[in-house]
Amino acid sequence: MAINAVLFDFSGTLFRLEQRDGWLDEVQGEDGETLDIEAQTELMRRMTAPVQQAVELDEEHLYAWHNRDRDPELHRKVYLEVLRLSGVPHRHQAEALYKELVSPGQWTPYPDTEAALKAVATSGRKAGVLSNIAFDIRPAFSQRGWDAHVAEFVLSFELGFVKPEPEIFQAALERLGARAEETLMVGDSEEADGAARAVGCEFALVDPAPTAERPDALLGALRAHGVL
């Protein structure tokens, strides 16, 4: 059946949180030394892992982890703990890093993000962004004028549902006015985004690789499903 609507995940799909020059240069570990490149890379991975629990958490913070994308306060709480357990013991530095994490302007778009969104919208199909997220990502699109190509933003913290729960996919389909069997979900997580299949959608998996290493995966996914 032809695809008439496309849902895109945000983190690792349309945008990626990437380390910028000097961003982590002043972060110090418990020994007072700045983090080396390997430690900085691991820290970024833990801040952006879509599903996997990166550190061992106590019961209180484990609850916050499992519900982080439903509640901004729980998101902040658990990520400050993740940073502490990942070698950022100084609260002020953890707070500063967390602020960057939830600042849409700090996220880097993939090279073909604009082209993919525009291709869907100009073809007469509807494009939506469906994300497990605890902060408003709309500014990442509006500051570039790309919000004009997005019919709906469906964000977990606004709905109280998270992928892979079927309710969030159903809400997205209702907002787009689309039938599941005519909708493609594009995302970087087989577990979270791939659950779109359970409600009847098609699914395309993309690699959450660094933006410089993934020039056209979104366009490739659209092409493979007959959208281009």
Protein backbone atom coordinates (compact mmCIF):
# COMPACT_ATOMS: atom_id res chain seq x y z
CA MET A 1 0.00 0.00 0.00
CA ALA A 2 1.27 3.49 -0.82
CA ILE A 3 2.74 5.64 1.95
CA ASN A 4 0.75 8.83 2.58
CA ALA A 5 2.32 9.98 5.87
CA VAL A 6 5.76 9.76 7.46
CA LEU A 7 6.63 9.93 11.14
CA PHE A 8 10.22 10.76 12.06
CA ASP A 9 11.95 10.21 15.38
CA PHE A 10 14.06 13.16 16.60
CA SER A 11 17.25 12.12 18.42
CA GLY A 12 19.55 9.97 16.30
CA THR A 13 17.17 10.28 13.34
CA LEU A 14 16.62 13.91 12.35
CA PHE A 15 19.04 15.53 14.80
CA ARG A 16 21.93 14.40 17.00
CA LEU A 17 23.47 15.90 20.13
CA GLU A 18 27.14 16.16 19.27
CA GLN A 19 30.12 17.46 21.15
CA ARG A 20 31.24 20.89 20.09
CA ASP A 21 34.76 22.28 20.31
CA GLY A 22 35.54 23.25 23.88
CA TRP A 23 32.17 22.05 25.20
CA LEU A 24 33.59 19.51 27.65
CA ASP A 25 37.11 20.89 27.98
CA GLU A 26 36.54 22.26 31.47
CA VAL A 27 34.67 19.28 32.89
CA GLN A 28 36.68 17.71 35.70
CA GLY A 29 36.49 14.24 37.20
CA GLU A 30 36.82 13.32 40.85
CA ASP A 31 40.61 13.48 40.57
CA GLY A 32 40.40 17.10 39.46
CA GLU A 33 41.70 16.27 36.00
CA THR A 34 39.82 17.22 32.84
CA LEU A 35 38.22 14.36 30.94
CA ASP A 36 40.24 12.82 28.12
CA ILE A 37 38.76 12.33 24.65
CA GLU A 38 37.68 8.75 25.36
CA ALA A 39 35.89 9.81 28.55
CA GLN A 40 34.22 12.71 26.76
CA THR A 41 32.98 10.40 24.00
CA GLU A 42 31.55 7.95 26.53
CA LEU A 43 29.88 10.79 28.41
CA MET A 44 28.13 11.96 25.24
CA ARG A 45 26.97 8.40 24.53
CA ARG A 46 25.42 8.12 27.98
CA MET A 47 23.64 11.44 27.57
CA THR A 48 22.05 10.46 24.28
CA ALA A 49 21.44 6.69 24.48
CA PRO A 50 17.81 6.27 23.35
CA VAL A 51 16.92 3.16 25.35
CA GLN A 52 19.84 1.55 27.11
CA GLN A 53 20.45 2.31 30.78
CA ALA A 54 24.03 3.57 30.85
CA VAL A 55 24.82 3.32 34.59
CA GLU A 56 23.65 1.42 37.67
CA LEU A 57 20.92 3.40 39.42
CA ASP A 58 19.27 3.09 42.81
CA GLU A 59 15.54 2.43 43.05
CA GLU A 60 14.62 6.13 43.20
CA HIS A 61 16.62 7.05 40.12
CA LEU A 62 15.64 3.89 38.29
CA TYR A 63 12.01 4.99 38.51
CA ALA A 64 13.04 8.39 37.17
CA TRP A 65 14.93 6.71 34.31
CA HIS A 66 11.95 4.64 33.22
CA ASN A 67 9.67 7.69 33.31
CA ARG A 68 12.12 10.40 32.24
CA ASP A 69 10.42 11.14 28.93
CA ARG A 70 7.01 11.55 30.56
CA ASP A 71 8.08 14.20 33.08
CA PRO A 72 10.70 16.97 32.65
CA GLU A 73 11.50 16.97 36.38
CA LEU A 74 12.22 13.24 36.39
CA HIS A 75 14.32 13.70 33.23
CA ARG A 76 16.44 16.37 34.90
CA LYS A 77 16.76 14.35 38.08
CA VAL A 78 18.00 11.17 36.46
CA TYR A 79 20.36 12.80 33.97
CA LEU A 80 22.07 14.78 36.69
CA GLU A 81 22.56 11.44 38.45
CA VAL A 82 23.84 9.83 35.24
CA LEU A 83 26.35 12.66 34.88
CA ARG A 84 27.46 12.28 38.51
CA LEU A 85 27.96 8.54 38.11
CA SER A 86 29.73 9.11 34.79
CA GLY A 87 32.53 11.13 36.31
CA VAL A 88 31.08 14.64 36.61
CA PRO A 89 30.98 15.05 40.40
CA HIS A 90 30.70 18.83 40.45
CA ARG A 91 27.04 19.86 40.51
CA HIS A 92 27.53 23.16 38.69
CA GLN A 93 29.25 21.40 35.79
CA ALA A 94 26.54 18.75 35.62
CA GLU A 95 23.88 21.48 35.61
CA ALA A 96 25.67 23.28 32.78
CA LEU A 97 25.95 20.10 30.71
CA TYR A 98 22.32 19.23 31.30
CA LYS A 99 21.30 22.69 30.11
CA GLU A 100 23.06 21.99 26.82
CA LEU A 101 21.31 18.62 26.52
CA VAL A 102 17.85 20.21 26.69
CA SER A 103 18.68 23.20 24.48
CA PRO A 104 17.28 22.44 20.99
CA GLY A 105 19.69 24.92 19.43
CA GLN A 106 22.63 22.75 20.49
CA TRP A 107 21.42 19.76 18.47
CA THR A 108 22.93 19.16 15.03
CA PRO A 109 20.66 18.17 12.11
CA TYR A 110 21.65 15.34 9.80
CA PRO A 111 22.72 16.56 6.34
CA ASP A 112 19.51 15.37 4.67
CA THR A 113 17.02 16.34 7.39
CA GLU A 114 15.72 19.40 5.59
CA ALA A 115 15.53 17.60 2.24
CA ALA A 116 13.66 14.66 3.76
CA LEU A 117 11.08 16.79 5.55
CA LYS A 118 10.59 18.99 2.51
CA ALA A 119 10.29 16.00 0.18
CA VAL A 120 7.46 14.52 2.25
CA ALA A 121 5.60 17.81 2.62
CA THR A 122 5.90 18.92 -1.01
CA SER A 123 4.73 15.52 -2.26
CA GLY A 124 1.34 16.14 -0.67
CA ARG A 125 2.02 13.75 2.20
CA LYS A 126 2.07 14.72 5.87
CA ALA A 127 5.26 14.65 7.94
CA GLY A 128 5.19 14.31 11.71
CA VAL A 129 7.86 14.22 14.40
CA LEU A 130 7.24 11.58 17.07
CA SER A 131 9.72 11.67 19.91
CA ASN A 132 10.37 10.32 23.37
CA ILE A 133 11.57 13.62 24.79
CA ALA A 134 11.20 15.71 27.93
CA PHE A 135 11.64 19.16 26.39
CA ASP A 136 10.18 21.12 23.51
CA ILE A 137 12.15 20.42 20.34
CA ARG A 138 10.07 22.67 18.09
CA PRO A 139 12.65 25.52 18.23
CA ALA A 140 15.22 23.26 16.54
CA PHE A 141 12.92 23.29 13.51
CA SER A 142 11.42 26.77 13.69
CA GLN A 143 14.78 28.53 13.90
CA ARG A 144 15.61 26.98 10.52
CA GLY A 145 12.16 27.42 9.00
CA TRP A 146 11.69 23.66 8.85
CA ASP A 147 8.57 23.68 11.01
CA ALA A 148 6.71 24.62 7.81
CA HIS A 149 7.29 21.04 6.61
CA VAL A 150 6.06 19.37 9.83
CA ALA A 151 2.32 18.88 10.21
CA GLU A 152 2.46 17.60 13.80
CA PHE A 153 4.89 17.32 16.70
CA VAL A 154 3.94 14.43 18.98
CA LEU A 155 6.11 14.62 22.11
CA SER A 156 6.01 12.10 24.93
CA PHE A 157 6.19 14.60 27.79
CA GLU A 158 3.11 16.37 26.46
CA LEU A 159 1.08 13.17 26.09
CA GLY A 160 2.30 11.05 28.99
CA PHE A 161 2.93 8.08 26.69
CA VAL A 162 6.27 6.88 25.36
CA LYS A 163 7.41 4.64 22.56
CA PRO A 164 7.07 1.63 22.35
CA GLU A 165 3.60 2.08 23.90
CA PRO A 166 0.94 1.88 21.16
CA GLU A 167 -0.96 4.88 22.52
CA ILE A 168 1.68 7.35 21.36
CA PHE A 169 1.67 5.95 17.81
CA GLN A 170 -2.11 5.99 17.73
CA ALA A 171 -2.13 9.61 18.91
CA ALA A 172 0.29 10.53 16.12
CA LEU A 173 -1.84 8.81 13.50
CA GLU A 174 -4.97 10.56 14.74
CA ARG A 175 -3.28 13.96 14.64
CA LEU A 176 -2.06 13.37 11.10
CA GLY A 177 -5.39 11.93 10.04
CA ALA A 178 -3.47 8.97 8.64
CA ARG A 179 -4.13 5.24 8.46
CA ALA A 180 -1.45 3.05 10.02
CA GLU A 181 -1.00 0.89 6.93
CA GLU A 182 -0.27 4.03 4.89
CA THR A 183 2.23 5.47 7.38
CA LEU A 184 6.00 5.04 7.57
CA MET A 185 7.88 5.44 10.86
CA VAL A 186 11.58 6.34 10.51
CA GLY A 187 13.75 5.97 13.59
CA ASP A 188 17.05 4.79 15.04
CA SER A 189 15.69 2.34 17.66
CA GLU A 190 14.30 -1.06 16.74
CA GLU A 191 12.84 -1.36 20.23
CA ALA A 192 11.17 2.05 20.52
CA ASP A 193 10.51 3.21 16.96
CA GLY A 194 10.12 -0.28 15.52
CA ALA A 195 7.08 -0.77 17.76
CA ALA A 196 5.19 1.23 15.13
CA ARG A 197 4.78 -2.11 13.33
CA ALA A 198 2.54 -3.32 16.16
CA VAL A 199 -0.10 -0.74 15.23
CA GLY A 200 0.23 -1.48 11.51
CA CYS A 201 2.81 1.06 10.30
CA GLU A 202 5.78 0.44 8.05
CA PHE A 203 9.18 0.99 9.69
CA ALA A 204 12.60 2.09 8.46
CA LEU A 205 15.64 1.85 10.74
CA VAL A 206 18.46 4.38 10.44
CA ASP A 207 21.84 4.33 12.17
CA PRO A 208 22.30 7.06 14.83
CA ALA A 209 25.84 7.63 13.55
CA PRO A 210 27.60 11.00 13.79
CA THR A 211 26.05 13.47 11.37
CA ALA A 212 29.22 13.71 9.27
CA GLU A 213 29.12 9.95 8.70
CA ARG A 214 25.46 9.67 7.65
CA PRO A 215 24.78 11.96 4.70
CA ASP A 216 21.61 10.53 3.16
CA ALA A 217 20.05 7.74 5.27
CA LEU A 218 16.73 9.58 5.60
CA LEU A 219 16.38 10.06 1.87
CA GLY A 220 17.38 6.42 1.39
CA ALA A 221 14.64 5.28 3.76
CA LEU A 222 12.05 7.37 1.94
CA ARG A 223 13.23 6.08 -1.40
CA ALA A 224 13.10 2.45 -0.24
CA HIS A 225 9.46 2.88 0.76
CA GLY A 226 8.36 4.62 -2.40
CA VAL A 227 8.04 8.12 -0.93
CA LEU A 228 10.62 9.55 -3.37
